[in-house]
Amino acid sequence: MKIQILGPGCPNCENLEKNAREAAKRLGIDASFEKVTDSNQIVEMGVMRTPGFAVDGEVQKSGKVFSTEEIEESLKAFTA
C-alpha cells in the first residue's frame, strides 16, 4: 500500500503524515509513504485544499489535519 501526503510540506502536512504513519502502524499495515508537493500534481488529483492524503493514488480526505482515528477509518476499507 502506498500512502501519499498531499501538500507543500507545511507543518499541517507533517502532522498529517505523522497521524497517517501512526494509523498504519496501529492497523499493522506495511505501507510506503510518499510526499506529493507539486501543486499541479495535487490539483490533478482533485485536491483544492491541502493537506490531504491518498491511498494507492486515490484521494481519501483533504482540507485539514485528520486525526489518527479518522485516517484509520479510511485505511480499513483497503484492508478488508
C-alpha atoms as a PDB file:
ATOM      1  CA  MET A   1       0.000   0.000   0.000  1.00  0.00           C
ATOM      2  CA  LYS A   2       1.260   3.467  -0.867  1.00  0.00           C
ATOM      3  CA  ILE A   3       0.076   6.412   1.210  1.00  0.00           C
ATOM      4  CA  GLN A   4       0.634   9.825  -0.329  1.00  0.00           C
ATOM      5  CA  ILE A   5       0.650  13.024   1.714  1.00  0.00           C
ATOM      6  CA  LEU A   6      -0.514  15.909  -0.474  1.00  0.00           C
ATOM      7  CA  GLY A   7       0.650  19.423   0.339  1.00  0.00           C
ATOM      8  CA  PRO A   8       3.510  21.903   0.179  1.00  0.00           C
ATOM      9  CA  GLY A   9       5.379  20.462   3.154  1.00  0.00           C
ATOM     10  CA  CYS A  10       3.937  22.779   5.794  1.00  0.00           C
ATOM     11  CA  PRO A  11       3.545  21.876   9.483  1.00  0.00           C
ATOM     12  CA  ASN A  12      -0.015  20.666   8.801  1.00  0.00           C
ATOM     13  CA  CYS A  13       1.354  18.287   6.162  1.00  0.00           C
ATOM     14  CA  GLU A  14       3.922  16.987   8.633  1.00  0.00           C
ATOM     15  CA  ASN A  15       1.232  16.425  11.278  1.00  0.00           C
ATOM     16  CA  LEU A  16      -0.984  14.618   8.786  1.00  0.00           C
ATOM     17  CA  GLU A  17       1.909  12.356   7.808  1.00  0.00           C
ATOM     18  CA  LYS A  18       2.624  11.609  11.470  1.00  0.00           C
ATOM     19  CA  ASN A  19      -1.017  10.666  12.043  1.00  0.00           C
ATOM     20  CA  ALA A  20      -1.114   8.536   8.884  1.00  0.00           C
ATOM     21  CA  ARG A  21       2.019   6.663   9.915  1.00  0.00           C
ATOM     22  CA  GLU A  22       0.517   6.023  13.349  1.00  0.00           C
ATOM     23  CA  ALA A  23      -2.767   4.819  11.814  1.00  0.00           C
ATOM     24  CA  ALA A  24      -0.935   2.395   9.524  1.00  0.00           C
ATOM     25  CA  LYS A  25       1.132   1.146  12.453  1.00  0.00           C
ATOM     26  CA  ARG A  26      -1.958   0.590  14.628  1.00  0.00           C
ATOM     27  CA  LEU A  27      -3.623  -1.415  11.860  1.00  0.00           C
ATOM     28  CA  GLY A  28      -0.473  -3.414  11.126  1.00  0.00           C
ATOM     29  CA  ILE A  29      -0.303  -2.134   7.551  1.00  0.00           C
ATOM     30  CA  ASP A  30       3.033  -2.271   5.759  1.00  0.00           C
ATOM     31  CA  ALA A  31       2.793   0.988   3.809  1.00  0.00           C
ATOM     32  CA  SER A  32       5.236   3.114   1.903  1.00  0.00           C
ATOM     33  CA  PHE A  33       4.880   6.873   2.206  1.00  0.00           C
ATOM     34  CA  GLU A  34       5.334   9.498  -0.470  1.00  0.00           C
ATOM     35  CA  LYS A  35       5.142  13.271  -0.178  1.00  0.00           C
ATOM     36  CA  VAL A  36       3.471  14.979  -3.123  1.00  0.00           C
ATOM     37  CA  THR A  37       4.455  18.645  -3.033  1.00  0.00           C
ATOM     38  CA  ASP A  38       3.969  19.639  -6.677  1.00  0.00           C
ATOM     39  CA  SER A  39       0.896  21.888  -6.757  1.00  0.00           C
ATOM     40  CA  ASN A  40      -0.003  20.876 -10.316  1.00  0.00           C
ATOM     41  CA  GLN A  41       0.018  17.202  -9.398  1.00  0.00           C
ATOM     42  CA  ILE A  42      -2.043  17.876  -6.263  1.00  0.00           C
ATOM     43  CA  VAL A  43      -4.677  19.752  -8.304  1.00  0.00           C
ATOM     44  CA  GLU A  44      -4.665  16.995 -10.961  1.00  0.00           C
ATOM     45  CA  MET A  45      -5.550  14.556  -8.185  1.00  0.00           C
ATOM     46  CA  GLY A  46      -8.595  16.715  -7.386  1.00  0.00           C
ATOM     47  CA  VAL A  47      -7.370  18.317  -4.179  1.00  0.00           C
ATOM     48  CA  MET A  48      -8.139  22.013  -3.859  1.00  0.00           C
ATOM     49  CA  ARG A  49      -7.359  22.381  -0.139  1.00  0.00           C
ATOM     50  CA  THR A  50      -4.315  20.841   1.493  1.00  0.00           C
ATOM     51  CA  PRO A  51      -3.224  18.882   3.345  1.00  0.00           C
ATOM     52  CA  GLY A  52      -4.687  15.693   2.006  1.00  0.00           C
ATOM     53  CA  PHE A  53      -3.855  12.053   1.680  1.00  0.00           C
ATOM     54  CA  ALA A  54      -4.335   9.366  -0.894  1.00  0.00           C
ATOM     55  CA  VAL A  55      -4.068   5.595  -0.798  1.00  0.00           C
ATOM     56  CA  ASP A  56      -2.693   3.933  -3.921  1.00  0.00           C
ATOM     57  CA  GLY A  57      -3.387   7.138  -5.866  1.00  0.00           C
ATOM     58  CA  GLU A  58      -6.992   7.507  -4.679  1.00  0.00           C
ATOM     59  CA  VAL A  59      -7.621  10.670  -2.642  1.00  0.00           C
ATOM     60  CA  GLN A  60      -9.287   9.848   0.677  1.00  0.00           C
ATOM     61  CA  LYS A  61      -9.544  13.151   2.522  1.00  0.00           C
ATOM     62  CA  SER A  62      -8.282  16.697   2.219  1.00  0.00           C
ATOM     63  CA  GLY A  63      -8.594  20.158   3.698  1.00  0.00           C
ATOM     64  CA  LYS A  64      -7.402  19.665   7.270  1.00  0.00           C
ATOM     65  CA  VAL A  65      -5.177  17.612   9.536  1.00  0.00           C
ATOM     66  CA  PHE A  66      -7.152  14.442  10.111  1.00  0.00           C
ATOM     67  CA  SER A  67      -6.804  12.529  13.364  1.00  0.00           C
ATOM     68  CA  THR A  68      -5.200   9.115  13.562  1.00  0.00           C
ATOM     69  CA  GLU A  69      -8.656   7.631  14.153  1.00  0.00           C
ATOM     70  CA  GLU A  70     -10.139   9.322  11.066  1.00  0.00           C
ATOM     71  CA  ILE A  71      -7.295   8.029   8.936  1.00  0.00           C
ATOM     72  CA  GLU A  72      -7.689   4.534  10.384  1.00  0.00           C
ATOM     73  CA  GLU A  73     -11.323   4.503   9.211  1.00  0.00           C
ATOM     74  CA  SER A  74     -10.213   5.312   5.663  1.00  0.00           C
ATOM     75  CA  LEU A  75      -7.433   2.725   5.703  1.00  0.00           C
ATOM     76  CA  LYS A  76      -9.718  -0.056   6.969  1.00  0.00           C
ATOM     77  CA  ALA A  77     -11.534  -0.035   3.613  1.00  0.00           C
ATOM     78  CA  PHE A  78      -8.274  -1.083   1.943  1.00  0.00           C
ATOM     79  CA  THR A  79      -7.525  -3.916   4.359  1.00  0.00           C
ATOM     80  CA  ALA A  80     -10.936  -5.618   4.295  1.00  0.00           C
END
